[in-house]
Amino acid sequence: MSGTRAAAARRRKLVLKALESAILLLALFLILFPIVWMALTAFKRPVDLFDLTVLFTPTLDNFRTIFAAPWNIGAAVWNSTVVAGLTVLISIPCSTMAAYAFSRFEMRFKGALFFTILATQFIPAVVVVLPFYLLFRDLGLLDTHLALVIVNLAIVTPFAVWMLKGFLDAVPTESEEAALVDGATRMRVILDIVVPMVWPGVLVTAVFCFILTWNEFLFALILTRDDAVTLPVGITRFRTERGDLWELIAAAGILISIPMFLLSSVIQRHFVRGMTGGAVK
């Protein structure tokens, strides 16, 4: 009887392992299939576009086309890089200071203030896009990098404060207190002690802020026309009398994805450490 039960247990274990493997393979397929199909489409000629086979003669003409007139996607790449870069450079220092204040100092209505910051993330973008449009129209900032940077700062800064506060809460205060007793200023403590200790979390937060800004579409669509058009908006312009130019859309989609893959590969070690270092505390 014991041998029969052991055999049954082994069979159940094998079935569970096979089921687990099948689910993982299905999840992997669902995740990778759109990416692989986009990559294949980016290298297809228009004549091969709707052919379901994966065997075709690849071409780089689609990438040459999107950088040439009338598409000039290079300008959109530059705009996205400038807006995302400036947003991260401004939001991370400001968010770090704000998160440090919430983590270390006692203040009146601290909980209400922090909740208010988080509550801004629950407001649909479509609700506030018109006030932003009217504001920037009156200030003469429509179709400028500055307008997009301001809007994206309003989007990513609350998120960055929330993430960084979690990292800072996990850092012990003994080293800070010792430095303050020795005469160090609060700013010196933050720069020399706190930031190095939470550096993986800072990198993780910066990457998320960059991704949110890089992929932002609605505000860029409403607030730009020509000079400050970003990549997500630029992709929507690949349309002619023959319809949507899917091969060009796929090529531009590759351009949008490249920074994400590069950032993920460069900071993978810091990413894992950061996500387990207190952000979900």
C-alpha atoms as a PDB file:
ATOM      1  CA  MET A   1       0.000   0.000   0.000  1.00  0.00           C
ATOM      2  CA  SER A   2       2.823   2.377   0.888  1.00  0.00           C
ATOM      3  CA  GLY A   3       4.464   1.700  -2.478  1.00  0.00           C
ATOM      4  CA  THR A   4       1.188   2.437  -4.275  1.00  0.00           C
ATOM      5  CA  ARG A   5       0.772   5.716  -2.396  1.00  0.00           C
ATOM      6  CA  ALA A   6       4.342   6.695  -3.178  1.00  0.00           C
ATOM      7  CA  ALA A   7       3.836   5.952  -6.873  1.00  0.00           C
ATOM      8  CA  ALA A   8       0.625   7.973  -6.889  1.00  0.00           C
ATOM      9  CA  ALA A   9       2.406  10.874  -5.186  1.00  0.00           C
ATOM     10  CA  ARG A  10       5.176  10.752  -7.801  1.00  0.00           C
ATOM     11  CA  ARG A  11       2.601  10.783 -10.603  1.00  0.00           C
ATOM     12  CA  ARG A  12       0.831  13.767  -9.057  1.00  0.00           C
ATOM     13  CA  LYS A  13       4.151  15.535  -8.712  1.00  0.00           C
ATOM     14  CA  LEU A  14       5.004  14.861 -12.356  1.00  0.00           C
ATOM     15  CA  VAL A  15       1.561  16.061 -13.473  1.00  0.00           C
ATOM     16  CA  LEU A  16       1.906  19.248 -11.435  1.00  0.00           C
ATOM     17  CA  LYS A  17       5.387  19.869 -12.836  1.00  0.00           C
ATOM     18  CA  ALA A  18       4.120  19.326 -16.388  1.00  0.00           C
ATOM     19  CA  LEU A  19       1.164  21.649 -15.752  1.00  0.00           C
ATOM     20  CA  GLU A  20       3.474  24.283 -14.277  1.00  0.00           C
ATOM     21  CA  SER A  21       5.797  24.061 -17.266  1.00  0.00           C
ATOM     22  CA  ALA A  22       2.874  24.319 -19.685  1.00  0.00           C
ATOM     23  CA  ILE A  23       1.523  27.425 -17.929  1.00  0.00           C
ATOM     24  CA  LEU A  24       4.976  29.043 -17.929  1.00  0.00           C
ATOM     25  CA  LEU A  25       5.438  28.295 -21.630  1.00  0.00           C
ATOM     26  CA  LEU A  26       1.990  29.714 -22.400  1.00  0.00           C
ATOM     27  CA  ALA A  27       2.757  32.873 -20.418  1.00  0.00           C
ATOM     28  CA  LEU A  28       6.124  33.192 -22.166  1.00  0.00           C
ATOM     29  CA  PHE A  29       4.453  32.794 -25.555  1.00  0.00           C
ATOM     30  CA  LEU A  30       1.812  35.433 -24.782  1.00  0.00           C
ATOM     31  CA  ILE A  31       4.497  37.872 -23.638  1.00  0.00           C
ATOM     32  CA  LEU A  32       7.025  37.315 -26.409  1.00  0.00           C
ATOM     33  CA  PHE A  33       4.736  36.744 -29.401  1.00  0.00           C
ATOM     34  CA  PRO A  34       3.767  40.428 -29.942  1.00  0.00           C
ATOM     35  CA  ILE A  35       7.405  41.492 -29.542  1.00  0.00           C
ATOM     36  CA  VAL A  36       8.688  38.861 -31.962  1.00  0.00           C
ATOM     37  CA  TRP A  37       5.945  39.617 -34.479  1.00  0.00           C
ATOM     38  CA  MET A  38       6.717  43.363 -34.281  1.00  0.00           C
ATOM     39  CA  ALA A  39      10.408  42.644 -34.810  1.00  0.00           C
ATOM     40  CA  LEU A  40       9.671  40.455 -37.836  1.00  0.00           C
ATOM     41  CA  THR A  41       7.290  43.021 -39.329  1.00  0.00           C
ATOM     42  CA  ALA A  42       9.905  45.768 -38.969  1.00  0.00           C
ATOM     43  CA  PHE A  43      12.169  43.923 -41.404  1.00  0.00           C
ATOM     44  CA  LYS A  44       9.486  42.946 -43.932  1.00  0.00           C
ATOM     45  CA  ARG A  45       8.818  44.488 -47.309  1.00  0.00           C
ATOM     46  CA  PRO A  46       5.249  45.677 -47.932  1.00  0.00           C
ATOM     47  CA  VAL A  47       4.688  42.700 -50.241  1.00  0.00           C
ATOM     48  CA  ASP A  48       5.511  40.309 -47.382  1.00  0.00           C
ATOM     49  CA  LEU A  49       3.588  42.226 -44.739  1.00  0.00           C
ATOM     50  CA  PHE A  50       0.498  40.027 -44.475  1.00  0.00           C
ATOM     51  CA  ASP A  51       2.306  36.763 -45.152  1.00  0.00           C
ATOM     52  CA  LEU A  52       2.174  34.614 -42.013  1.00  0.00           C
ATOM     53  CA  THR A  53       5.425  32.833 -42.741  1.00  0.00           C
ATOM     54  CA  VAL A  54       8.534  33.664 -40.737  1.00  0.00           C
ATOM     55  CA  LEU A  55      10.750  32.945 -43.756  1.00  0.00           C
ATOM     56  CA  PHE A  56      11.194  36.079 -45.838  1.00  0.00           C
ATOM     57  CA  THR A  57      13.927  38.302 -47.241  1.00  0.00           C
ATOM     58  CA  PRO A  58      14.702  40.885 -44.536  1.00  0.00           C
ATOM     59  CA  THR A  59      15.261  44.522 -45.397  1.00  0.00           C
ATOM     60  CA  LEU A  60      16.406  47.678 -43.605  1.00  0.00           C
ATOM     61  CA  ASP A  61      14.397  49.934 -45.914  1.00  0.00           C
ATOM     62  CA  ASN A  62      11.733  50.504 -43.268  1.00  0.00           C
ATOM     63  CA  PHE A  63      14.258  52.032 -40.878  1.00  0.00           C
ATOM     64  CA  ARG A  64      15.703  54.209 -43.625  1.00  0.00           C
ATOM     65  CA  THR A  65      12.207  55.331 -44.579  1.00  0.00           C
ATOM     66  CA  ILE A  66      11.109  56.438 -41.107  1.00  0.00           C
ATOM     67  CA  PHE A  67      14.218  58.618 -40.729  1.00  0.00           C
ATOM     68  CA  ALA A  68      13.712  60.238 -44.139  1.00  0.00           C
ATOM     69  CA  ALA A  69      11.167  62.847 -45.215  1.00  0.00           C
ATOM     70  CA  PRO A  70       8.262  63.142 -44.734  1.00  0.00           C
ATOM     71  CA  TRP A  71       8.345  61.064 -41.552  1.00  0.00           C
ATOM     72  CA  ASN A  72      11.585  62.340 -39.968  1.00  0.00           C
ATOM     73  CA  ILE A  73      11.223  60.121 -36.921  1.00  0.00           C
ATOM     74  CA  GLY A  74      14.662  61.218 -35.754  1.00  0.00           C
ATOM     75  CA  ALA A  75      13.154  64.480 -34.484  1.00  0.00           C
ATOM     76  CA  ALA A  76      10.619  62.512 -32.428  1.00  0.00           C
ATOM     77  CA  VAL A  77      13.420  60.367 -30.995  1.00  0.00           C
ATOM     78  CA  TRP A  78      15.257  63.529 -29.953  1.00  0.00           C
ATOM     79  CA  ASN A  79      12.125  65.039 -28.416  1.00  0.00           C
ATOM     80  CA  SER A  80      11.365  61.908 -26.406  1.00  0.00           C
ATOM     81  CA  THR A  81      14.971  61.713 -25.198  1.00  0.00           C
ATOM     82  CA  VAL A  82      15.041  65.345 -24.115  1.00  0.00           C
ATOM     83  CA  VAL A  83      11.678  65.210 -22.341  1.00  0.00           C
ATOM     84  CA  ALA A  84      12.335  61.899 -20.579  1.00  0.00           C
ATOM     85  CA  GLY A  85      15.887  62.858 -19.628  1.00  0.00           C
ATOM     86  CA  LEU A  86      14.944  66.252 -18.189  1.00  0.00           C
ATOM     87  CA  THR A  87      11.985  64.764 -16.344  1.00  0.00           C
ATOM     88  CA  VAL A  88      14.173  62.165 -14.628  1.00  0.00           C
ATOM     89  CA  LEU A  89      16.960  64.659 -13.852  1.00  0.00           C
ATOM     90  CA  ILE A  90      14.496  66.998 -12.151  1.00  0.00           C
ATOM     91  CA  SER A  91      12.104  64.538 -10.524  1.00  0.00           C
ATOM     92  CA  ILE A  92      14.606  62.193  -8.855  1.00  0.00           C
ATOM     93  CA  PRO A  93      16.427  64.821  -6.714  1.00  0.00           C
ATOM     94  CA  CYS A  94      13.166  66.545  -5.790  1.00  0.00           C
ATOM     95  CA  SER A  95      11.436  63.253  -5.010  1.00  0.00           C
ATOM     96  CA  THR A  96      14.382  62.056  -2.933  1.00  0.00           C
ATOM     97  CA  MET A  97      14.236  65.167  -0.747  1.00  0.00           C
ATOM     98  CA  ALA A  98      10.473  64.917  -0.366  1.00  0.00           C
ATOM     99  CA  ALA A  99      10.607  61.198   0.426  1.00  0.00           C
ATOM    100  CA  TYR A 100      13.358  61.810   2.988  1.00  0.00           C
ATOM    101  CA  ALA A 101      11.219  64.445   4.699  1.00  0.00           C
ATOM    102  CA  PHE A 102       8.234  62.100   4.874  1.00  0.00           C
ATOM    103  CA  SER A 103      10.419  59.244   6.111  1.00  0.00           C
ATOM    104  CA  ARG A 104      12.446  61.054   8.782  1.00  0.00           C
ATOM    105  CA  PHE A 105      10.546  64.107  10.013  1.00  0.00           C
ATOM    106  CA  GLU A 106       7.375  64.460  12.015  1.00  0.00           C
ATOM    107  CA  MET A 107       4.980  67.119  10.773  1.00  0.00           C
ATOM    108  CA  ARG A 108       1.366  68.109  11.105  1.00  0.00           C
ATOM    109  CA  PHE A 109      -0.996  66.362   8.731  1.00  0.00           C
ATOM    110  CA  LYS A 110       1.843  64.143   7.523  1.00  0.00           C
ATOM    111  CA  GLY A 111      -0.476  61.261   6.684  1.00  0.00           C
ATOM    112  CA  ALA A 112      -2.933  63.538   4.891  1.00  0.00           C
ATOM    113  CA  LEU A 113      -0.174  65.148   2.851  1.00  0.00           C
ATOM    114  CA  PHE A 114       1.271  61.816   1.800  1.00  0.00           C
ATOM    115  CA  PHE A 115      -2.186  60.501   0.903  1.00  0.00           C
ATOM    116  CA  THR A 116      -2.831  63.630  -1.161  1.00  0.00           C
ATOM    117  CA  ILE A 117       0.359  63.006  -3.124  1.00  0.00           C
ATOM    118  CA  LEU A 118      -0.678  59.430  -3.821  1.00  0.00           C
ATOM    119  CA  ALA A 119      -4.250  60.453  -4.641  1.00  0.00           C
ATOM    120  CA  THR A 120      -3.037  62.456  -7.617  1.00  0.00           C
ATOM    121  CA  GLN A 121      -2.122  59.140  -9.257  1.00  0.00           C
ATOM    122  CA  PHE A 122      -5.787  58.110  -9.252  1.00  0.00           C
ATOM    123  CA  ILE A 123      -6.940  61.079 -11.344  1.00  0.00           C
ATOM    124  CA  PRO A 124      -7.477  60.047 -14.993  1.00  0.00           C
ATOM    125  CA  ALA A 125      -5.207  61.950 -17.353  1.00  0.00           C
ATOM    126  CA  VAL A 126      -8.107  62.815 -19.638  1.00  0.00           C
ATOM    127  CA  VAL A 127      -9.688  64.824 -16.790  1.00  0.00           C
ATOM    128  CA  VAL A 128      -6.746  67.230 -16.441  1.00  0.00           C
ATOM    129  CA  VAL A 129      -5.505  67.399 -20.025  1.00  0.00           C
ATOM    130  CA  LEU A 130      -7.873  70.274 -20.924  1.00  0.00           C
ATOM    131  CA  PRO A 131      -6.803  72.514 -17.993  1.00  0.00           C
ATOM    132  CA  PHE A 132      -3.167  71.861 -18.907  1.00  0.00           C
ATOM    133  CA  TYR A 133      -3.912  72.690 -22.545  1.00  0.00           C
ATOM    134  CA  LEU A 134      -5.591  75.985 -21.660  1.00  0.00           C
ATOM    135  CA  LEU A 135      -2.799  76.898 -19.242  1.00  0.00           C
ATOM    136  CA  PHE A 136      -0.021  76.243 -21.738  1.00  0.00           C
ATOM    137  CA  ARG A 137      -1.949  77.968 -24.523  1.00  0.00           C
ATOM    138  CA  ASP A 138      -2.218  81.132 -22.462  1.00  0.00           C
ATOM    139  CA  LEU A 139       1.477  80.917 -21.524  1.00  0.00           C
ATOM    140  CA  GLY A 140       2.542  80.268 -25.104  1.00  0.00           C
ATOM    141  CA  LEU A 141       4.074  76.902 -24.220  1.00  0.00           C
ATOM    142  CA  LEU A 142       2.118  74.629 -26.528  1.00  0.00           C
ATOM    143  CA  ASP A 143       4.287  72.355 -28.665  1.00  0.00           C
ATOM    144  CA  THR A 144       7.366  72.859 -26.464  1.00  0.00           C
ATOM    145  CA  HIS A 145       9.620  70.542 -24.475  1.00  0.00           C
ATOM    146  CA  LEU A 146       8.993  72.622 -21.353  1.00  0.00           C
ATOM    147  CA  ALA A 147       5.260  71.915 -21.412  1.00  0.00           C
ATOM    148  CA  LEU A 148       5.814  68.163 -21.689  1.00  0.00           C
ATOM    149  CA  VAL A 149       8.444  68.199 -18.930  1.00  0.00           C
ATOM    150  CA  ILE A 150       6.078  70.036 -16.568  1.00  0.00           C
ATOM    151  CA  VAL A 151       3.236  67.623 -17.288  1.00  0.00           C
ATOM    152  CA  ASN A 152       5.416  64.547 -16.882  1.00  0.00           C
ATOM    153  CA  LEU A 153       6.847  65.890 -13.631  1.00  0.00           C
ATOM    154  CA  ALA A 154       3.281  66.079 -12.343  1.00  0.00           C
ATOM    155  CA  ILE A 155       2.808  62.439 -13.371  1.00  0.00           C
ATOM    156  CA  VAL A 156       6.029  60.784 -12.163  1.00  0.00           C
ATOM    157  CA  THR A 157       6.973  62.823  -9.081  1.00  0.00           C
ATOM    158  CA  PRO A 158       4.206  61.450  -6.788  1.00  0.00           C
ATOM    159  CA  PHE A 159       5.075  57.935  -7.917  1.00  0.00           C
ATOM    160  CA  ALA A 160       8.789  58.548  -7.263  1.00  0.00           C
ATOM    161  CA  VAL A 161       8.107  59.970  -3.790  1.00  0.00           C
ATOM    162  CA  TRP A 162       6.067  56.898  -2.877  1.00  0.00           C
ATOM    163  CA  MET A 163       8.722  54.465  -4.093  1.00  0.00           C
ATOM    164  CA  LEU A 164      11.672  56.276  -2.543  1.00  0.00           C
ATOM    165  CA  LYS A 165       9.935  56.630   0.817  1.00  0.00           C
ATOM    166  CA  GLY A 166       9.665  52.852   0.973  1.00  0.00           C
ATOM    167  CA  PHE A 167      13.395  52.489   0.361  1.00  0.00           C
ATOM    168  CA  LEU A 168      14.255  55.176   2.911  1.00  0.00           C
ATOM    169  CA  ASP A 169      12.014  53.626   5.565  1.00  0.00           C
ATOM    170  CA  ALA A 170      14.134  50.470   5.331  1.00  0.00           C
ATOM    171  CA  VAL A 171      17.391  52.355   6.042  1.00  0.00           C
ATOM    172  CA  PRO A 172      18.438  52.491   9.739  1.00  0.00           C
ATOM    173  CA  THR A 173      18.941  55.980  11.167  1.00  0.00           C
ATOM    174  CA  GLU A 174      21.949  55.250  13.411  1.00  0.00           C
ATOM    175  CA  SER A 175      24.537  56.316  10.814  1.00  0.00           C
ATOM    176  CA  GLU A 176      22.663  59.553  10.140  1.00  0.00           C
ATOM    177  CA  GLU A 177      22.391  60.376  13.835  1.00  0.00           C
ATOM    178  CA  ALA A 178      26.119  59.741  14.377  1.00  0.00           C
ATOM    179  CA  ALA A 179      27.031  62.017  11.465  1.00  0.00           C
ATOM    180  CA  LEU A 180      24.730  64.755  12.759  1.00  0.00           C
ATOM    181  CA  VAL A 181      26.320  64.517  16.201  1.00  0.00           C
ATOM    182  CA  ASP A 182      29.749  64.886  14.581  1.00  0.00           C
ATOM    183  CA  GLY A 183      28.620  68.173  13.015  1.00  0.00           C
ATOM    184  CA  ALA A 184      27.580  67.137   9.509  1.00  0.00           C
ATOM    185  CA  THR A 185      24.779  69.120   7.925  1.00  0.00           C
ATOM    186  CA  ARG A 186      21.523  67.464   6.971  1.00  0.00           C
ATOM    187  CA  MET A 187      22.299  67.885   3.262  1.00  0.00           C
ATOM    188  CA  ARG A 188      25.729  66.295   3.711  1.00  0.00           C
ATOM    189  CA  VAL A 189      24.120  63.374   5.543  1.00  0.00           C
ATOM    190  CA  ILE A 190      21.666  62.860   2.700  1.00  0.00           C
ATOM    191  CA  LEU A 191      24.300  63.038  -0.033  1.00  0.00           C
ATOM    192  CA  ASP A 192      27.093  61.071   1.658  1.00  0.00           C
ATOM    193  CA  ILE A 193      25.173  58.500   3.729  1.00  0.00           C
ATOM    194  CA  VAL A 194      21.540  58.121   2.742  1.00  0.00           C
ATOM    195  CA  VAL A 195      21.741  58.273  -1.067  1.00  0.00           C
ATOM    196  CA  PRO A 196      24.585  55.686  -1.345  1.00  0.00           C
ATOM    197  CA  MET A 197      22.604  53.310   0.881  1.00  0.00           C
ATOM    198  CA  VAL A 198      19.449  53.576  -1.231  1.00  0.00           C
ATOM    199  CA  TRP A 199      21.212  53.931  -4.586  1.00  0.00           C
ATOM    200  CA  PRO A 200      19.691  50.722  -6.060  1.00  0.00           C
ATOM    201  CA  GLY A 201      16.246  52.064  -5.175  1.00  0.00           C
ATOM    202  CA  VAL A 202      17.062  55.419  -6.746  1.00  0.00           C
ATOM    203  CA  LEU A 203      18.087  53.668  -9.976  1.00  0.00           C
ATOM    204  CA  VAL A 204      14.928  51.575 -10.006  1.00  0.00           C
ATOM    205  CA  THR A 205      12.779  54.654  -9.445  1.00  0.00           C
ATOM    206  CA  ALA A 206      14.627  56.587 -12.151  1.00  0.00           C
ATOM    207  CA  VAL A 207      14.067  53.767 -14.642  1.00  0.00           C
ATOM    208  CA  PHE A 208      10.352  53.623 -13.877  1.00  0.00           C
ATOM    209  CA  CYS A 209      10.087  57.412 -14.233  1.00  0.00           C
ATOM    210  CA  PHE A 210      11.933  57.247 -17.553  1.00  0.00           C
ATOM    211  CA  ILE A 211       9.636  54.486 -18.827  1.00  0.00           C
ATOM    212  CA  LEU A 212       6.486  56.357 -17.785  1.00  0.00           C
ATOM    213  CA  THR A 213       7.694  59.514 -19.513  1.00  0.00           C
ATOM    214  CA  TRP A 214       9.049  57.736 -22.599  1.00  0.00           C
ATOM    215  CA  ASN A 215       5.725  55.961 -23.171  1.00  0.00           C
ATOM    216  CA  GLU A 216       3.408  58.875 -22.306  1.00  0.00           C
ATOM    217  CA  PHE A 217       0.950  59.444 -25.142  1.00  0.00           C
ATOM    218  CA  LEU A 218      -2.174  61.447 -24.252  1.00  0.00           C
ATOM    219  CA  PHE A 219      -0.560  64.699 -23.112  1.00  0.00           C
ATOM    220  CA  ALA A 220       1.982  64.571 -25.924  1.00  0.00           C
ATOM    221  CA  LEU A 221      -0.839  64.091 -28.424  1.00  0.00           C
ATOM    222  CA  ILE A 222      -2.853  67.075 -27.152  1.00  0.00           C
ATOM    223  CA  LEU A 223      -0.038  69.485 -26.298  1.00  0.00           C
ATOM    224  CA  THR A 224       2.191  69.052 -29.373  1.00  0.00           C
ATOM    225  CA  ARG A 225       1.790  69.647 -33.085  1.00  0.00           C
ATOM    226  CA  ASP A 226       5.151  69.569 -34.874  1.00  0.00           C
ATOM    227  CA  ASP A 227       8.173  70.838 -32.943  1.00  0.00           C
ATOM    228  CA  ALA A 228       7.862  68.695 -29.776  1.00  0.00           C
ATOM    229  CA  VAL A 229       6.166  65.551 -31.102  1.00  0.00           C
ATOM    230  CA  THR A 230       7.399  62.475 -29.228  1.00  0.00           C
ATOM    231  CA  LEU A 231       7.820  58.911 -30.481  1.00  0.00           C
ATOM    232  CA  PRO A 232       4.453  57.515 -29.303  1.00  0.00           C
ATOM    233  CA  VAL A 233       2.677  60.349 -31.126  1.00  0.00           C
ATOM    234  CA  GLY A 234       4.972  60.120 -34.132  1.00  0.00           C
ATOM    235  CA  ILE A 235       3.951  56.511 -34.681  1.00  0.00           C
ATOM    236  CA  THR A 236       0.320  57.549 -35.191  1.00  0.00           C
ATOM    237  CA  ARG A 237       1.322  59.536 -38.276  1.00  0.00           C
ATOM    238  CA  PHE A 238       2.307  56.514 -40.352  1.00  0.00           C
ATOM    239  CA  ARG A 239      -0.841  56.590 -42.436  1.00  0.00           C
ATOM    240  CA  THR A 240      -1.265  57.163 -46.160  1.00  0.00           C
ATOM    241  CA  GLU A 241      -3.850  56.534 -48.836  1.00  0.00           C
ATOM    242  CA  ARG A 242      -3.102  52.792 -48.628  1.00  0.00           C
ATOM    243  CA  GLY A 243      -3.897  52.768 -44.908  1.00  0.00           C
ATOM    244  CA  ASP A 244      -1.719  52.164 -41.883  1.00  0.00           C
ATOM    245  CA  LEU A 245       1.901  51.471 -42.791  1.00  0.00           C
ATOM    246  CA  TRP A 246       2.415  48.557 -40.434  1.00  0.00           C
ATOM    247  CA  GLU A 247       6.000  47.907 -41.465  1.00  0.00           C
ATOM    248  CA  LEU A 248       6.931  51.503 -40.560  1.00  0.00           C
ATOM    249  CA  ILE A 249       4.923  51.353 -37.335  1.00  0.00           C
ATOM    250  CA  ALA A 250       6.806  48.186 -36.361  1.00  0.00           C
ATOM    251  CA  ALA A 251      10.169  49.792 -37.171  1.00  0.00           C
ATOM    252  CA  ALA A 252       9.315  52.784 -34.990  1.00  0.00           C
ATOM    253  CA  GLY A 253       8.105  50.398 -32.292  1.00  0.00           C
ATOM    254  CA  ILE A 254      11.558  48.821 -32.264  1.00  0.00           C
ATOM    255  CA  LEU A 255      13.035  52.276 -31.656  1.00  0.00           C
ATOM    256  CA  ILE A 256      10.699  52.823 -28.715  1.00  0.00           C
ATOM    257  CA  SER A 257      11.585  49.439 -27.222  1.00  0.00           C
ATOM    258  CA  ILE A 258      15.374  49.714 -27.506  1.00  0.00           C
ATOM    259  CA  PRO A 259      15.890  52.048 -24.493  1.00  0.00           C
ATOM    260  CA  MET A 260      13.722  49.801 -22.330  1.00  0.00           C
ATOM    261  CA  PHE A 261      15.770  46.709 -23.165  1.00  0.00           C
ATOM    262  CA  LEU A 262      19.062  48.550 -22.712  1.00  0.00           C
ATOM    263  CA  LEU A 263      18.085  49.981 -19.333  1.00  0.00           C
ATOM    264  CA  SER A 264      16.823  46.617 -18.140  1.00  0.00           C
ATOM    265  CA  SER A 265      20.060  44.863 -19.110  1.00  0.00           C
ATOM    266  CA  VAL A 266      22.343  47.550 -17.681  1.00  0.00           C
ATOM    267  CA  ILE A 267      20.719  47.848 -14.254  1.00  0.00           C
ATOM    268  CA  GLN A 268      19.356  44.324 -13.848  1.00  0.00           C
ATOM    269  CA  ARG A 269      21.456  43.680 -10.752  1.00  0.00           C
ATOM    270  CA  HIS A 270      20.409  46.956  -9.157  1.00  0.00           C
ATOM    271  CA  PHE A 271      16.817  46.384 -10.248  1.00  0.00           C
ATOM    272  CA  VAL A 272      16.484  43.138  -8.294  1.00  0.00           C
ATOM    273  CA  ARG A 273      18.205  44.577  -5.230  1.00  0.00           C
ATOM    274  CA  GLY A 274      16.101  47.708  -5.375  1.00  0.00           C
ATOM    275  CA  MET A 275      12.771  45.979  -5.707  1.00  0.00           C
ATOM    276  CA  THR A 276      13.570  43.752  -2.692  1.00  0.00           C
ATOM    277  CA  GLY A 277      15.215  46.491  -0.651  1.00  0.00           C
ATOM    278  CA  GLY A 278      12.159  48.063   0.863  1.00  0.00           C
ATOM    279  CA  ALA A 279       9.986  49.472  -1.906  1.00  0.00           C
ATOM    280  CA  VAL A 280       7.096  47.223  -0.954  1.00  0.00           C
ATOM    281  CA  LYS A 281       7.562  47.620   2.765  1.00  0.00           C
END
